[in-house]
N, C-alpha and C. Protein backbone atom coordinates (compact mmCIF):
# COMPACT_ATOMS: atom_id res chain seq x y z
N MET A 1 18.16 10.24 22.04
CA MET A 1 16.80 9.92 21.69
C MET A 1 16.24 11.07 20.86
N PRO A 2 15.68 10.82 19.70
CA PRO A 2 15.18 11.90 18.85
C PRO A 2 13.92 12.51 19.46
N SER A 3 13.81 13.84 19.33
CA SER A 3 12.61 14.50 19.84
C SER A 3 11.49 14.36 18.83
N GLN A 4 10.28 14.27 19.33
CA GLN A 4 9.12 14.14 18.46
C GLN A 4 8.41 15.48 18.39
N ALA A 5 7.98 15.84 17.19
CA ALA A 5 7.24 17.07 17.01
C ALA A 5 5.80 16.86 17.45
N ILE A 6 5.25 17.87 18.10
CA ILE A 6 3.86 17.82 18.53
C ILE A 6 3.04 18.66 17.56
N ASP A 7 2.00 18.07 17.03
CA ASP A 7 1.14 18.77 16.08
C ASP A 7 0.15 19.64 16.84
N LEU A 8 0.32 20.93 16.73
CA LEU A 8 -0.57 21.88 17.38
C LEU A 8 -1.43 22.63 16.36
N SER A 9 -1.56 22.07 15.17
CA SER A 9 -2.32 22.75 14.12
C SER A 9 -3.78 22.95 14.49
N PHE A 10 -4.30 22.12 15.42
CA PHE A 10 -5.69 22.28 15.82
C PHE A 10 -5.91 23.61 16.56
N LEU A 11 -4.84 24.25 17.00
CA LEU A 11 -4.96 25.55 17.68
C LEU A 11 -5.05 26.72 16.71
N ASP A 12 -4.75 26.48 15.43
CA ASP A 12 -4.81 27.54 14.44
C ASP A 12 -6.22 28.12 14.37
N GLY A 13 -6.29 29.42 14.37
CA GLY A 13 -7.58 30.09 14.25
C GLY A 13 -8.29 30.29 15.58
N LEU A 14 -7.73 29.77 16.68
CA LEU A 14 -8.35 29.98 17.98
C LEU A 14 -7.88 31.30 18.58
N THR A 15 -8.78 31.94 19.29
CA THR A 15 -8.39 33.14 20.02
C THR A 15 -7.57 32.71 21.23
N PRO A 16 -6.80 33.61 21.82
CA PRO A 16 -6.07 33.24 23.04
C PRO A 16 -6.99 32.73 24.15
N GLU A 17 -8.19 33.31 24.25
CA GLU A 17 -9.14 32.87 25.26
C GLU A 17 -9.59 31.43 25.01
N GLN A 18 -9.83 31.09 23.74
CA GLN A 18 -10.24 29.73 23.40
C GLN A 18 -9.12 28.73 23.67
N ALA A 19 -7.90 29.13 23.35
CA ALA A 19 -6.76 28.25 23.59
C ALA A 19 -6.56 28.05 25.10
N ALA A 20 -6.71 29.11 25.88
CA ALA A 20 -6.59 29.00 27.33
C ALA A 20 -7.67 28.12 27.90
N SER A 21 -8.87 28.21 27.34
CA SER A 21 -9.98 27.38 27.80
C SER A 21 -9.68 25.90 27.55
N LEU A 22 -9.08 25.59 26.39
CA LEU A 22 -8.70 24.20 26.10
C LEU A 22 -7.69 23.70 27.11
N LEU A 23 -6.73 24.54 27.43
CA LEU A 23 -5.72 24.17 28.42
C LEU A 23 -6.37 23.95 29.78
N THR A 24 -7.24 24.86 30.17
CA THR A 24 -7.93 24.73 31.44
C THR A 24 -8.74 23.44 31.49
N ASP A 25 -9.44 23.12 30.40
CA ASP A 25 -10.23 21.90 30.35
C ASP A 25 -9.35 20.66 30.49
N SER A 26 -8.20 20.67 29.83
CA SER A 26 -7.31 19.51 29.93
C SER A 26 -6.69 19.41 31.33
N GLU A 27 -6.40 20.56 31.94
CA GLU A 27 -5.88 20.55 33.31
C GLU A 27 -6.93 20.00 34.28
N LYS A 28 -8.19 20.40 34.09
CA LYS A 28 -9.27 19.89 34.93
C LYS A 28 -9.44 18.38 34.77
N ALA A 29 -9.36 17.92 33.53
CA ALA A 29 -9.49 16.49 33.27
C ALA A 29 -8.35 15.71 33.94
N LEU A 30 -7.15 16.24 33.87
CA LEU A 30 -6.00 15.59 34.52
C LEU A 30 -6.17 15.57 36.03
N GLU A 31 -6.58 16.70 36.60
CA GLU A 31 -6.82 16.76 38.04
C GLU A 31 -7.90 15.76 38.45
N LYS A 32 -8.97 15.69 37.68
CA LYS A 32 -10.06 14.77 37.97
C LYS A 32 -9.56 13.33 38.00
N THR A 33 -8.78 12.95 37.00
CA THR A 33 -8.25 11.59 36.93
C THR A 33 -7.34 11.29 38.10
N LYS A 34 -6.43 12.21 38.42
CA LYS A 34 -5.52 12.01 39.55
C LYS A 34 -6.28 11.87 40.86
N CYS A 35 -7.30 12.70 41.04
CA CYS A 35 -8.09 12.66 42.27
C CYS A 35 -8.88 11.36 42.40
N GLU A 36 -9.41 10.87 41.30
CA GLU A 36 -10.17 9.61 41.34
C GLU A 36 -9.27 8.43 41.68
N GLU A 37 -8.02 8.49 41.26
CA GLU A 37 -7.10 7.37 41.47
C GLU A 37 -6.46 7.35 42.85
N ASP A 38 -6.31 8.52 43.47
CA ASP A 38 -5.50 8.61 44.69
C ASP A 38 -6.18 9.48 45.74
N LEU A 39 -6.53 8.88 46.87
CA LEU A 39 -7.18 9.62 47.95
C LEU A 39 -6.31 10.76 48.45
N ALA A 40 -5.02 10.55 48.58
CA ALA A 40 -4.13 11.61 49.06
C ALA A 40 -4.17 12.82 48.11
N GLU A 41 -4.16 12.58 46.82
CA GLU A 41 -4.25 13.67 45.85
C GLU A 41 -5.60 14.37 45.96
N TYR A 42 -6.64 13.59 46.17
CA TYR A 42 -7.98 14.15 46.35
C TYR A 42 -8.01 15.06 47.57
N VAL A 43 -7.42 14.62 48.68
CA VAL A 43 -7.37 15.43 49.90
C VAL A 43 -6.63 16.74 49.63
N ARG A 44 -5.51 16.65 48.93
CA ARG A 44 -4.74 17.87 48.61
C ARG A 44 -5.58 18.86 47.81
N CYS A 45 -6.30 18.36 46.83
CA CYS A 45 -7.08 19.24 45.95
C CYS A 45 -8.33 19.78 46.64
N ALA A 46 -8.96 18.97 47.48
CA ALA A 46 -10.22 19.37 48.11
C ALA A 46 -10.02 20.19 49.38
N TRP A 47 -8.83 20.19 49.91
CA TRP A 47 -8.56 20.88 51.18
C TRP A 47 -9.04 22.32 51.17
N SER A 48 -8.71 23.06 50.14
CA SER A 48 -9.02 24.50 50.12
C SER A 48 -10.53 24.77 50.06
N ILE A 49 -11.31 23.78 49.69
CA ILE A 49 -12.77 23.94 49.69
C ILE A 49 -13.26 24.04 51.14
N LEU A 50 -12.74 23.19 52.00
CA LEU A 50 -13.20 23.15 53.39
C LEU A 50 -12.44 24.07 54.32
N GLU A 51 -11.19 24.32 54.01
CA GLU A 51 -10.34 25.15 54.87
C GLU A 51 -9.63 26.22 54.03
N PRO A 52 -10.38 27.15 53.44
CA PRO A 52 -9.77 28.12 52.52
C PRO A 52 -8.74 29.05 53.16
N SER A 53 -8.84 29.29 54.45
CA SER A 53 -7.90 30.22 55.08
C SER A 53 -6.74 29.52 55.79
N ALA A 54 -6.77 28.19 55.81
CA ALA A 54 -5.70 27.44 56.50
C ALA A 54 -4.88 26.66 55.48
N PRO A 55 -3.57 26.86 55.47
CA PRO A 55 -2.74 26.08 54.54
C PRO A 55 -2.71 24.61 54.97
N LEU A 56 -2.65 23.74 54.00
CA LEU A 56 -2.54 22.32 54.28
C LEU A 56 -1.07 22.01 54.58
N ILE A 57 -0.82 21.53 55.77
CA ILE A 57 0.53 21.14 56.16
C ILE A 57 0.57 19.62 56.12
N TRP A 58 1.18 19.11 55.06
CA TRP A 58 1.17 17.67 54.82
C TRP A 58 2.20 17.00 55.70
N ASN A 59 1.84 15.82 56.20
CA ASN A 59 2.76 15.04 57.01
C ASN A 59 2.59 13.57 56.64
N TRP A 60 3.56 12.77 56.99
CA TRP A 60 3.57 11.36 56.60
C TRP A 60 2.34 10.61 57.08
N HIS A 61 1.78 11.00 58.24
CA HIS A 61 0.63 10.27 58.78
C HIS A 61 -0.59 10.37 57.86
N ILE A 62 -0.71 11.46 57.11
CA ILE A 62 -1.84 11.61 56.18
C ILE A 62 -1.70 10.59 55.05
N ASP A 63 -0.50 10.41 54.55
CA ASP A 63 -0.26 9.38 53.53
C ASP A 63 -0.62 8.00 54.06
N VAL A 64 -0.25 7.71 55.31
CA VAL A 64 -0.52 6.40 55.90
C VAL A 64 -2.02 6.17 56.03
N VAL A 65 -2.75 7.16 56.55
CA VAL A 65 -4.20 7.02 56.70
C VAL A 65 -4.84 6.81 55.32
N CYS A 66 -4.41 7.57 54.34
CA CYS A 66 -4.95 7.42 52.98
C CYS A 66 -4.66 6.04 52.41
N GLU A 67 -3.47 5.51 52.64
CA GLU A 67 -3.14 4.17 52.15
C GLU A 67 -4.00 3.10 52.82
N TYR A 68 -4.21 3.24 54.12
CA TYR A 68 -5.08 2.29 54.82
C TYR A 68 -6.51 2.36 54.27
N LEU A 69 -6.98 3.55 53.99
CA LEU A 69 -8.34 3.70 53.45
C LEU A 69 -8.43 3.15 52.03
N HIS A 70 -7.35 3.25 51.25
CA HIS A 70 -7.33 2.57 49.95
C HIS A 70 -7.52 1.06 50.15
N ALA A 71 -6.85 0.52 51.17
CA ALA A 71 -6.97 -0.92 51.44
C ALA A 71 -8.38 -1.28 51.91
N VAL A 72 -9.04 -0.39 52.63
CA VAL A 72 -10.43 -0.62 53.01
C VAL A 72 -11.30 -0.62 51.76
N GLU A 73 -11.07 0.33 50.88
CA GLU A 73 -11.87 0.45 49.66
C GLU A 73 -11.73 -0.77 48.77
N ASP A 74 -10.53 -1.32 48.65
CA ASP A 74 -10.37 -2.48 47.77
C ASP A 74 -10.63 -3.81 48.48
N GLY A 75 -11.01 -3.77 49.76
CA GLY A 75 -11.38 -4.98 50.48
C GLY A 75 -10.24 -5.71 51.14
N THR A 76 -9.02 -5.21 51.01
CA THR A 76 -7.88 -5.84 51.66
C THR A 76 -8.00 -5.76 53.18
N ILE A 77 -8.50 -4.65 53.67
CA ILE A 77 -8.75 -4.47 55.11
C ILE A 77 -10.26 -4.37 55.30
N THR A 78 -10.78 -5.18 56.22
CA THR A 78 -12.22 -5.15 56.48
C THR A 78 -12.56 -4.55 57.84
N ARG A 79 -11.56 -4.39 58.70
CA ARG A 79 -11.77 -3.77 60.01
C ARG A 79 -10.57 -2.88 60.28
N LEU A 80 -10.84 -1.61 60.55
CA LEU A 80 -9.75 -0.66 60.74
C LEU A 80 -10.04 0.26 61.91
N ILE A 81 -9.08 0.39 62.79
CA ILE A 81 -9.13 1.37 63.87
C ILE A 81 -7.95 2.31 63.66
N ILE A 82 -8.21 3.60 63.67
CA ILE A 82 -7.14 4.58 63.50
C ILE A 82 -6.97 5.33 64.81
N ASN A 83 -5.86 5.12 65.45
CA ASN A 83 -5.56 5.79 66.72
C ASN A 83 -4.46 6.81 66.50
N ILE A 84 -4.86 8.04 66.31
CA ILE A 84 -3.91 9.14 66.21
C ILE A 84 -4.48 10.30 67.02
N PRO A 85 -3.63 11.22 67.45
CA PRO A 85 -4.10 12.30 68.34
C PRO A 85 -5.15 13.20 67.68
N PRO A 86 -5.94 13.87 68.52
CA PRO A 86 -6.90 14.85 68.00
C PRO A 86 -6.16 15.95 67.22
N GLY A 87 -6.83 16.51 66.24
CA GLY A 87 -6.25 17.60 65.46
C GLY A 87 -5.33 17.15 64.35
N THR A 88 -5.34 15.86 64.01
CA THR A 88 -4.45 15.35 62.96
C THR A 88 -5.22 14.96 61.69
N MET A 89 -6.43 15.49 61.53
CA MET A 89 -7.26 15.32 60.34
C MET A 89 -7.93 13.96 60.24
N LYS A 90 -7.94 13.17 61.31
CA LYS A 90 -8.54 11.84 61.24
C LYS A 90 -10.01 11.91 60.83
N SER A 91 -10.81 12.70 61.53
CA SER A 91 -12.24 12.79 61.22
C SER A 91 -12.46 13.36 59.83
N LEU A 92 -11.70 14.37 59.49
CA LEU A 92 -11.86 15.01 58.18
C LEU A 92 -11.55 14.03 57.05
N ILE A 93 -10.48 13.27 57.19
CA ILE A 93 -10.11 12.31 56.15
C ILE A 93 -11.12 11.16 56.08
N VAL A 94 -11.44 10.58 57.25
CA VAL A 94 -12.26 9.37 57.28
C VAL A 94 -13.74 9.66 57.03
N SER A 95 -14.27 10.72 57.61
CA SER A 95 -15.72 10.96 57.55
C SER A 95 -16.15 11.96 56.48
N VAL A 96 -15.21 12.70 55.93
CA VAL A 96 -15.56 13.70 54.92
C VAL A 96 -14.90 13.39 53.58
N PHE A 97 -13.57 13.38 53.55
CA PHE A 97 -12.86 13.18 52.29
C PHE A 97 -13.07 11.76 51.73
N PHE A 98 -12.93 10.74 52.58
CA PHE A 98 -13.02 9.37 52.09
C PHE A 98 -14.37 9.04 51.45
N PRO A 99 -15.50 9.29 52.11
CA PRO A 99 -16.77 8.97 51.45
C PRO A 99 -17.00 9.76 50.16
N SER A 100 -16.65 11.05 50.18
CA SER A 100 -16.86 11.85 48.96
C SER A 100 -15.92 11.40 47.85
N TRP A 101 -14.74 10.90 48.20
CA TRP A 101 -13.81 10.35 47.21
C TRP A 101 -14.36 9.05 46.63
N ILE A 102 -14.89 8.20 47.49
CA ILE A 102 -15.48 6.94 47.01
C ILE A 102 -16.59 7.25 46.02
N TRP A 103 -17.40 8.26 46.29
CA TRP A 103 -18.49 8.62 45.38
C TRP A 103 -17.99 9.06 44.01
N THR A 104 -16.76 9.56 43.91
CA THR A 104 -16.23 9.93 42.59
C THR A 104 -16.01 8.68 41.75
N ARG A 105 -15.83 7.56 42.41
CA ARG A 105 -15.56 6.28 41.75
C ARG A 105 -16.80 5.40 41.69
N THR A 106 -17.54 5.35 42.78
CA THR A 106 -18.71 4.48 42.90
C THR A 106 -19.83 5.25 43.60
N PRO A 107 -20.59 6.03 42.86
CA PRO A 107 -21.62 6.88 43.49
C PRO A 107 -22.73 6.11 44.19
N SER A 108 -22.86 4.84 43.93
CA SER A 108 -23.94 4.05 44.55
C SER A 108 -23.61 3.62 45.98
N LYS A 109 -22.36 3.77 46.41
CA LYS A 109 -21.97 3.38 47.78
C LYS A 109 -22.67 4.28 48.79
N ARG A 110 -23.01 3.70 49.93
CA ARG A 110 -23.65 4.43 51.01
C ARG A 110 -22.79 4.37 52.25
N PHE A 111 -22.87 5.43 53.06
CA PHE A 111 -22.06 5.53 54.26
C PHE A 111 -22.92 5.91 55.44
N LEU A 112 -22.55 5.39 56.59
CA LEU A 112 -23.13 5.79 57.85
C LEU A 112 -21.97 6.20 58.73
N CYS A 113 -21.87 7.47 59.00
CA CYS A 113 -20.77 7.98 59.82
C CYS A 113 -21.31 8.41 61.17
N GLY A 114 -20.58 8.13 62.20
CA GLY A 114 -20.99 8.49 63.55
C GLY A 114 -19.82 9.03 64.34
N SER A 115 -20.12 9.44 65.55
CA SER A 115 -19.09 9.97 66.43
C SER A 115 -19.53 9.76 67.86
N ASN A 116 -18.61 9.91 68.80
CA ASN A 116 -18.96 9.79 70.20
C ASN A 116 -19.70 11.02 70.70
N GLU A 117 -19.78 12.04 69.88
CA GLU A 117 -20.46 13.27 70.25
C GLU A 117 -21.26 13.77 69.06
N GLY A 118 -22.52 14.08 69.28
CA GLY A 118 -23.41 14.51 68.20
C GLY A 118 -22.93 15.72 67.45
N THR A 119 -22.29 16.65 68.14
CA THR A 119 -21.83 17.87 67.45
C THR A 119 -20.75 17.55 66.43
N LEU A 120 -19.92 16.55 66.73
CA LEU A 120 -18.87 16.17 65.78
C LEU A 120 -19.46 15.49 64.55
N ALA A 121 -20.46 14.65 64.74
CA ALA A 121 -21.12 13.99 63.61
C ALA A 121 -21.81 15.04 62.73
N THR A 122 -22.45 16.01 63.36
CA THR A 122 -23.10 17.09 62.60
C THR A 122 -22.06 17.93 61.86
N ARG A 123 -20.96 18.25 62.53
CA ARG A 123 -19.88 19.02 61.90
C ARG A 123 -19.37 18.33 60.64
N ASP A 124 -19.08 17.04 60.76
CA ASP A 124 -18.54 16.30 59.62
C ASP A 124 -19.58 16.15 58.51
N SER A 125 -20.83 15.96 58.89
CA SER A 125 -21.90 15.86 57.90
C SER A 125 -22.04 17.16 57.11
N LEU A 126 -21.97 18.29 57.80
CA LEU A 126 -22.07 19.58 57.12
C LEU A 126 -20.87 19.84 56.22
N LYS A 127 -19.68 19.43 56.68
CA LYS A 127 -18.49 19.59 55.84
C LYS A 127 -18.59 18.73 54.58
N MET A 128 -19.11 17.52 54.74
CA MET A 128 -19.30 16.63 53.58
C MET A 128 -20.24 17.29 52.58
N ARG A 129 -21.36 17.81 53.07
CA ARG A 129 -22.32 18.49 52.19
C ARG A 129 -21.66 19.69 51.51
N GLN A 130 -20.92 20.48 52.26
CA GLN A 130 -20.23 21.64 51.71
C GLN A 130 -19.28 21.23 50.58
N LEU A 131 -18.55 20.15 50.79
CA LEU A 131 -17.60 19.68 49.78
C LEU A 131 -18.32 19.19 48.54
N VAL A 132 -19.31 18.32 48.71
CA VAL A 132 -20.00 17.73 47.56
C VAL A 132 -20.80 18.78 46.78
N GLU A 133 -21.30 19.79 47.45
CA GLU A 133 -22.05 20.84 46.76
C GLU A 133 -21.16 21.95 46.21
N SER A 134 -19.86 21.88 46.49
CA SER A 134 -18.95 22.94 46.03
C SER A 134 -18.86 22.96 44.50
N GLN A 135 -18.51 24.11 43.97
CA GLN A 135 -18.34 24.25 42.53
C GLN A 135 -17.26 23.30 42.01
N TRP A 136 -16.16 23.17 42.74
CA TRP A 136 -15.07 22.29 42.33
C TRP A 136 -15.55 20.85 42.18
N TYR A 137 -16.24 20.34 43.20
CA TYR A 137 -16.71 18.95 43.16
C TYR A 137 -17.74 18.78 42.05
N GLN A 138 -18.67 19.69 41.94
CA GLN A 138 -19.73 19.57 40.94
C GLN A 138 -19.20 19.68 39.52
N GLU A 139 -18.16 20.51 39.29
CA GLU A 139 -17.54 20.58 37.96
C GLU A 139 -16.90 19.26 37.58
N HIS A 140 -16.35 18.57 38.55
CA HIS A 140 -15.67 17.30 38.28
C HIS A 140 -16.61 16.10 38.26
N TRP A 141 -17.51 16.01 39.24
CA TRP A 141 -18.32 14.80 39.40
C TRP A 141 -19.82 15.09 39.52
N GLY A 142 -20.23 16.28 39.18
CA GLY A 142 -21.63 16.64 39.28
C GLY A 142 -22.53 15.83 38.38
N ASP A 143 -21.96 15.26 37.32
CA ASP A 143 -22.77 14.42 36.42
C ASP A 143 -23.14 13.09 37.07
N ARG A 144 -22.42 12.70 38.15
CA ARG A 144 -22.72 11.42 38.79
C ARG A 144 -23.04 11.52 40.28
N VAL A 145 -22.76 12.66 40.91
CA VAL A 145 -23.00 12.79 42.34
C VAL A 145 -23.84 14.03 42.63
N LYS A 146 -25.02 13.81 43.14
CA LYS A 146 -25.91 14.89 43.58
C LYS A 146 -26.51 14.46 44.91
N LEU A 147 -26.65 15.39 45.82
CA LEU A 147 -27.29 15.09 47.09
C LEU A 147 -28.79 15.31 46.94
N SER A 148 -29.54 14.48 47.61
CA SER A 148 -31.00 14.56 47.54
C SER A 148 -31.48 15.86 48.19
N HIS A 149 -32.42 16.53 47.56
CA HIS A 149 -32.94 17.78 48.09
C HIS A 149 -33.80 17.58 49.33
N ASP A 150 -34.32 16.37 49.52
CA ASP A 150 -35.15 16.13 50.71
C ASP A 150 -34.29 15.88 51.95
N GLN A 151 -32.97 15.91 51.80
CA GLN A 151 -32.07 15.72 52.92
C GLN A 151 -31.33 17.00 53.29
N GLN A 152 -31.91 18.14 53.01
CA GLN A 152 -31.26 19.42 53.28
C GLN A 152 -31.42 19.81 54.76
N GLU A 153 -31.06 18.92 55.64
CA GLU A 153 -31.20 19.18 57.07
C GLU A 153 -29.87 19.07 57.76
């Protein structure tokens, strides 16, 4: 198969900093697109915002939960119960990552998240706010997702 030449003449005259900025912008755009298309990719990218000191240890169950939530989002599943042990990211994926991911695609959607314990609902609500207000999220989706200032409670 013959190789095709790539025209990079548009880089002529750019400083190394300007060229690096173009690369960074294209990398951000690619990350944004991947995150909007795939909840699992979004979780991978957003993890360090909420858990900067803890490495993400990926396991098959995270892929399964994300796939089920994709089916909820597209209407294939209308009722879902997720029974997995505590400490397996269920609340984080369902109550924090999933709604904020949906907003990257459909900012008009509204969510009501609850828990059997008020402290857990507050914890997840604060994590959601932390994620949506983060520099990473705002650089990617700040043009379409902003939290109301009258809800800073």
